N, C-alpha and C. Protein backbone atom coordinates (compact mmCIF):
# COMPACT_ATOMS: atom_id res chain seq x y z
N MET A 1 136.42 83.78 78.12
CA MET A 1 136.23 83.34 79.20
C MET A 1 136.95 82.54 81.25
N LEU A 2 136.81 81.07 80.07
CA LEU A 2 137.51 80.21 80.72
C LEU A 2 139.10 81.12 80.88
N LEU A 3 139.66 81.78 80.44
CA LEU A 3 140.63 81.76 80.38
C LEU A 3 140.72 82.56 81.88
N LEU A 4 139.94 83.87 82.03
CA LEU A 4 139.63 84.78 82.91
C LEU A 4 139.01 83.09 84.14
N ALA A 5 138.44 82.79 83.98
CA ALA A 5 137.82 81.62 85.05
C ALA A 5 139.11 80.88 85.93
N LEU A 6 139.98 80.37 85.06
CA LEU A 6 141.55 79.79 85.48
C LEU A 6 142.59 80.49 86.04
N THR A 7 142.90 81.15 85.59
CA THR A 7 143.73 82.65 86.39
C THR A 7 142.85 83.16 87.79
N ALA A 8 141.77 83.48 87.75
CA ALA A 8 141.15 83.74 88.64
C ALA A 8 141.02 82.78 89.67
N CYS A 9 140.83 81.12 89.89
CA CYS A 9 141.12 80.06 90.67
C CYS A 9 142.22 80.67 91.67
N GLU A 10 143.50 80.38 91.52
CA GLU A 10 144.31 80.51 92.31
C GLU A 10 143.93 82.20 93.52
N ARG A 11 143.24 82.79 93.01
CA ARG A 11 143.33 84.50 93.69
C ARG A 11 141.76 84.18 95.11
N THR A 12 140.86 83.16 94.18
CA THR A 12 139.72 82.64 94.75
C THR A 12 139.72 82.13 96.07
N THR A 13 141.10 80.83 95.44
CA THR A 13 141.65 79.81 96.69
C THR A 13 142.57 81.26 98.29
N GLU A 14 143.16 82.31 98.20
CA GLU A 14 143.72 83.53 98.61
C GLU A 14 142.34 83.65 99.90
N LEU A 15 141.56 84.06 98.46
CA LEU A 15 140.58 84.66 99.65
C LEU A 15 139.68 84.24 100.65
N LEU A 16 139.56 82.86 100.24
CA LEU A 16 138.52 82.13 100.34
C LEU A 16 139.99 81.43 102.05
N GLY A 17 141.09 81.50 102.04
CA GLY A 17 142.13 81.23 102.74
C GLY A 17 142.38 80.02 102.83
N LEU A 18 142.24 79.17 101.62
CA LEU A 18 142.96 77.55 101.73
C LEU A 18 144.41 77.63 101.54
N PRO A 19 144.46 76.30 101.90
CA PRO A 19 146.09 75.98 102.06
C PRO A 19 146.82 75.90 100.65
N ASP A 20 147.66 76.18 100.09
CA ASP A 20 148.16 75.94 99.08
C ASP A 20 149.46 74.87 98.90
N PRO A 21 149.09 73.35 98.87
CA PRO A 21 150.46 72.99 99.37
C PRO A 21 152.12 73.04 98.65
N LYS A 22 151.67 73.13 97.71
CA LYS A 22 153.12 73.69 96.69
C LYS A 22 153.47 75.37 97.20
N LYS A 23 152.83 75.74 97.56
CA LYS A 23 153.49 77.26 98.28
C LYS A 23 154.50 76.73 99.58
N GLU A 24 153.40 75.84 100.39
CA GLU A 24 153.50 75.58 102.03
C GLU A 24 154.70 74.36 101.49
N GLU A 25 154.99 73.81 100.84
CA GLU A 25 156.17 73.26 100.55
C GLU A 25 157.38 74.18 100.06
N ALA A 26 157.26 74.82 99.43
CA ALA A 26 158.18 75.87 99.09
C ALA A 26 158.78 76.47 100.00
N ALA A 27 157.85 77.11 100.71
CA ALA A 27 158.79 77.78 102.16
C ALA A 27 159.70 76.94 102.79
N ALA A 28 158.59 75.87 102.98
CA ALA A 28 159.33 74.51 103.88
C ALA A 28 160.83 74.87 103.77
N GLU A 29 160.75 74.65 101.76
CA GLU A 29 162.03 74.34 101.58
C GLU A 29 163.39 75.70 101.73
N ALA A 30 162.46 76.38 101.23
CA ALA A 30 163.34 78.20 101.75
C ALA A 30 164.06 78.04 103.60
N GLU A 31 162.93 77.73 104.56
CA GLU A 31 163.24 78.02 105.46
C GLU A 31 164.16 76.78 105.85
N GLY A 32 164.14 75.83 105.25
CA GLY A 32 164.91 75.17 105.83
C GLY A 32 166.37 75.66 105.08
N LYS A 33 166.92 76.28 103.88
CA LYS A 33 167.47 76.33 103.56
C LYS A 33 168.31 77.69 104.43
N ALA A 34 167.41 78.37 104.27
CA ALA A 34 168.16 79.63 105.29
C ALA A 34 168.75 79.51 106.86
N ILE A 35 167.97 78.17 107.22
CA ILE A 35 169.01 77.59 108.73
C ILE A 35 169.90 77.20 108.43
N GLY A 36 170.21 76.79 107.52
CA GLY A 36 170.87 75.60 107.30
C GLY A 36 172.05 76.62 107.54
N GLY A 37 172.01 78.07 106.14
CA GLY A 37 173.12 78.70 105.68
C GLY A 37 173.10 79.30 106.73
N ALA A 38 172.58 79.95 107.90
CA ALA A 38 172.81 79.97 108.89
C ALA A 38 173.74 79.95 110.06
N CYS A 39 172.98 78.40 109.96
CA CYS A 39 174.08 77.22 110.92
C CYS A 39 175.52 77.60 110.66
N ARG A 40 175.48 77.05 109.01
CA ARG A 40 177.20 77.31 108.72
C ARG A 40 177.60 78.69 108.99
N HIS A 41 177.26 79.28 108.54
CA HIS A 41 177.63 80.73 108.83
C HIS A 41 177.90 81.17 110.23
N ALA A 42 177.32 80.32 111.20
CA ALA A 42 177.31 80.79 112.76
C ALA A 42 178.09 79.17 113.16
N GLY A 43 179.21 79.00 112.59
CA GLY A 43 180.08 77.68 112.81
C GLY A 43 179.48 76.46 113.40
N ARG A 44 178.32 76.20 113.08
CA ARG A 44 177.70 75.23 113.49
C ARG A 44 177.73 74.16 112.81
N ALA A 45 178.09 72.80 113.75
CA ALA A 45 178.06 71.14 112.92
C ALA A 45 176.64 71.12 112.44
N LEU A 46 176.91 69.93 111.48
CA LEU A 46 175.27 70.54 110.74
C LEU A 46 174.65 69.00 112.00
N GLU A 47 174.80 68.91 112.35
CA GLU A 47 174.41 67.53 113.21
C GLU A 47 173.24 68.16 114.22
N ASP A 48 173.89 69.05 114.61
CA ASP A 48 173.63 70.21 115.32
C ASP A 48 172.37 71.27 115.13
N CYS A 49 172.88 71.68 113.77
CA CYS A 49 171.88 72.29 113.14
C CYS A 49 169.92 71.68 112.92
N TYR A 50 170.48 70.10 112.70
CA TYR A 50 169.43 69.27 112.75
C TYR A 50 168.88 69.36 114.64
N ALA A 51 169.79 69.11 115.04
CA ALA A 51 168.85 68.54 116.29
C ALA A 51 168.43 70.25 117.32
N LEU A 52 168.87 71.34 116.62
CA LEU A 52 167.80 72.71 117.25
C LEU A 52 166.45 73.04 116.37
N ASN A 53 166.62 72.18 115.33
CA ASN A 53 165.79 72.70 114.36
C ASN A 53 164.74 71.47 113.71
N PRO A 54 164.62 70.68 114.82
CA PRO A 54 163.83 69.20 114.28
C PRO A 54 162.96 69.38 113.59
N LYS A 55 161.73 70.46 113.48
CA LYS A 55 160.77 70.15 112.54
C LYS A 55 160.98 70.68 110.97
N ALA A 56 162.27 70.98 111.43
CA ALA A 56 162.51 71.65 109.84
C ALA A 56 162.89 70.21 108.82
N GLN A 57 162.97 70.62 107.51
CA GLN A 57 163.20 69.93 106.50
C GLN A 57 164.96 69.57 106.61
N LYS A 58 165.39 68.27 107.43
CA LYS A 58 166.93 68.01 107.15
C LYS A 58 167.24 68.19 105.71
N ALA A 59 166.93 67.38 104.75
CA ALA A 59 167.20 67.68 103.17
C ALA A 59 167.15 69.23 103.43
N SER A 60 166.84 70.02 103.07
CA SER A 60 167.06 71.65 103.16
C SER A 60 167.64 72.27 104.06
N ILE A 61 167.82 71.56 105.39
CA ILE A 61 168.91 72.29 105.99
C ILE A 61 170.34 72.01 105.22
N PHE A 62 170.42 71.01 104.89
CA PHE A 62 171.80 70.31 104.51
C PHE A 62 171.99 71.29 102.99
N SER A 63 171.21 71.26 102.28
CA SER A 63 171.64 72.37 101.54
C SER A 63 171.78 73.72 101.24
N GLY A 64 171.21 74.23 102.03
CA GLY A 64 171.84 75.55 102.47
C GLY A 64 172.68 76.06 103.70
N TRP A 65 173.36 74.30 103.78
CA TRP A 65 174.86 74.42 104.47
C TRP A 65 175.74 74.19 103.95
N ARG A 66 174.83 73.56 102.74
CA ARG A 66 176.68 73.20 101.60
C ARG A 66 176.47 74.16 101.04
N GLU A 67 175.29 75.33 100.91
CA GLU A 67 175.71 76.31 100.14
C GLU A 67 176.86 77.64 100.23
N MET A 68 175.80 77.26 101.79
CA MET A 68 176.49 78.78 102.39
C MET A 68 178.00 78.28 102.98
N ASN A 69 178.66 76.99 102.79
CA ASN A 69 179.72 76.15 103.26
C ASN A 69 180.65 76.35 102.10
N ASP A 70 179.67 76.60 100.80
CA ASP A 70 181.06 76.72 99.39
C ASP A 70 181.11 77.90 99.20
N TYR A 71 180.07 78.97 99.26
CA TYR A 71 180.29 79.93 98.86
C TYR A 71 181.23 80.72 100.32
N MET A 72 180.59 80.81 101.09
CA MET A 72 182.33 80.98 102.59
C MET A 72 183.50 80.29 101.91
N THR A 73 183.61 79.10 101.22
CA THR A 73 185.18 78.45 101.12
C THR A 73 185.53 79.22 99.67
N GLU A 74 184.55 80.06 99.29
CA GLU A 74 185.35 80.00 97.65
C GLU A 74 185.60 82.02 97.93
N HIS A 75 184.74 82.26 98.95
CA HIS A 75 184.78 83.72 98.98
C HIS A 75 186.05 84.27 100.14
N ASN A 76 186.55 82.70 101.08
CA ASN A 76 187.24 83.02 102.40
C ASN A 76 186.85 84.25 103.46
N ILE A 77 185.25 83.31 103.36
CA ILE A 77 185.10 84.40 104.75
C ILE A 77 184.93 83.02 106.16
N GLN A 78 185.14 83.84 107.05
CA GLN A 78 185.38 82.92 108.56
C GLN A 78 183.95 83.02 109.07
N THR A 79 183.72 81.79 110.16
CA THR A 79 182.93 82.02 110.72
C THR A 79 182.80 83.08 111.69
N VAL A 80 180.94 83.81 112.20
CA VAL A 80 180.48 84.68 113.05
C VAL A 80 180.13 83.59 113.82
N PRO A 81 180.68 83.51 115.24
CA PRO A 81 180.26 82.25 116.43
C PRO A 81 178.56 83.54 116.87
N PRO A 82 177.28 82.65 117.16
CA PRO A 82 176.76 83.45 118.36
C PRO A 82 177.25 83.92 119.00
N THR A 83 176.01 85.23 119.41
CA THR A 83 176.76 85.77 120.59
C THR A 83 175.58 85.60 121.43
N VAL A 84 174.45 85.15 121.18
CA VAL A 84 173.52 84.64 122.02
C VAL A 84 173.41 82.88 122.04
N THR A 85 174.05 82.47 123.32
CA THR A 85 173.45 80.81 123.15
C THR A 85 172.35 80.53 123.18
N SER A 86 171.94 79.76 123.03
CA SER A 86 171.02 78.90 123.18
C SER A 86 170.52 77.60 123.91
N SER A 87 169.08 77.98 124.48
CA SER A 87 168.83 77.27 126.03
C SER A 87 168.41 75.39 125.56
N VAL A 88 168.42 75.50 124.29
CA VAL A 88 168.46 74.17 123.80
C VAL A 88 169.95 72.77 123.32
N LYS A 89 169.86 72.28 123.86
CA LYS A 89 171.04 71.53 124.13
C LYS A 89 170.53 70.38 123.07
N PRO A 90 171.76 70.18 122.01
CA PRO A 90 171.56 68.60 121.30
C PRO A 90 170.79 67.62 121.67
N ALA A 91 170.08 66.93 121.05
CA ALA A 91 169.57 65.41 121.47
C ALA A 91 170.68 64.18 121.99
N ALA A 92 171.59 64.55 121.68
CA ALA A 92 172.82 63.61 122.21
C ALA A 92 173.38 63.67 123.21
N ALA A 93 173.37 65.01 124.03
CA ALA A 93 174.10 65.42 125.15
C ALA A 93 172.75 65.67 125.74
N GLU A 94 171.51 65.47 125.59
CA GLU A 94 170.35 65.65 126.47
C GLU A 94 170.76 63.57 126.99
N THR A 95 170.18 63.01 125.85
CA THR A 95 169.90 61.91 126.17
C THR A 95 171.44 61.00 127.29
N GLY A 96 172.70 61.91 126.70
CA GLY A 96 173.60 61.30 127.88
C GLY A 96 173.55 61.42 129.36
N SER A 97 173.03 62.81 129.31
CA SER A 97 172.90 63.23 130.66
C SER A 97 171.81 62.70 131.25
N GLU A 98 170.78 62.41 130.57
CA GLU A 98 169.65 61.55 131.35
C GLU A 98 169.92 60.25 131.68
N GLY A 99 170.42 59.61 131.12
CA GLY A 99 171.00 58.39 131.29
C GLY A 99 171.87 58.60 132.51
N LYS A 100 173.35 59.55 132.46
CA LYS A 100 173.70 59.36 133.64
C LYS A 100 173.08 59.75 134.75
N GLN A 101 172.15 60.29 135.18
CA GLN A 101 170.97 60.86 135.98
C GLN A 101 169.96 59.28 136.24
N ALA A 102 169.81 58.65 135.60
CA ALA A 102 168.72 57.65 135.45
C ALA A 102 169.93 56.46 136.46
N ALA A 103 170.93 56.71 136.00
CA ALA A 103 172.07 55.46 136.48
C ALA A 103 172.04 56.35 138.30
N LYS A 104 172.35 57.44 138.96
CA LYS A 104 172.06 57.94 140.03
C LYS A 104 171.28 57.01 141.05
N HIS A 105 170.09 57.07 140.42
CA HIS A 105 168.90 56.68 141.16
C HIS A 105 168.23 55.73 141.66
């Protein structure tokens, strides 16, 4: 009976819609790795990837970027440049242009 109660805990929390911190952390890690891998495959610099995805975990982005870099190097895969350009500019570029505009006023 105790075994049944313990195995039902996870199912009960799912039915009640309660958040599971372990699952959320694993999902955030997986998403960061996917973002990093995609950035590397697109030929984006790691710093640009961080700037374009400020809410993602930097450590997981780096991990995904590094794994993709190793895979691409090992299999001699070339980058695939993105065909859609992002309207978001890296933070460093934005700061520089704002500073110039402020100096003009």
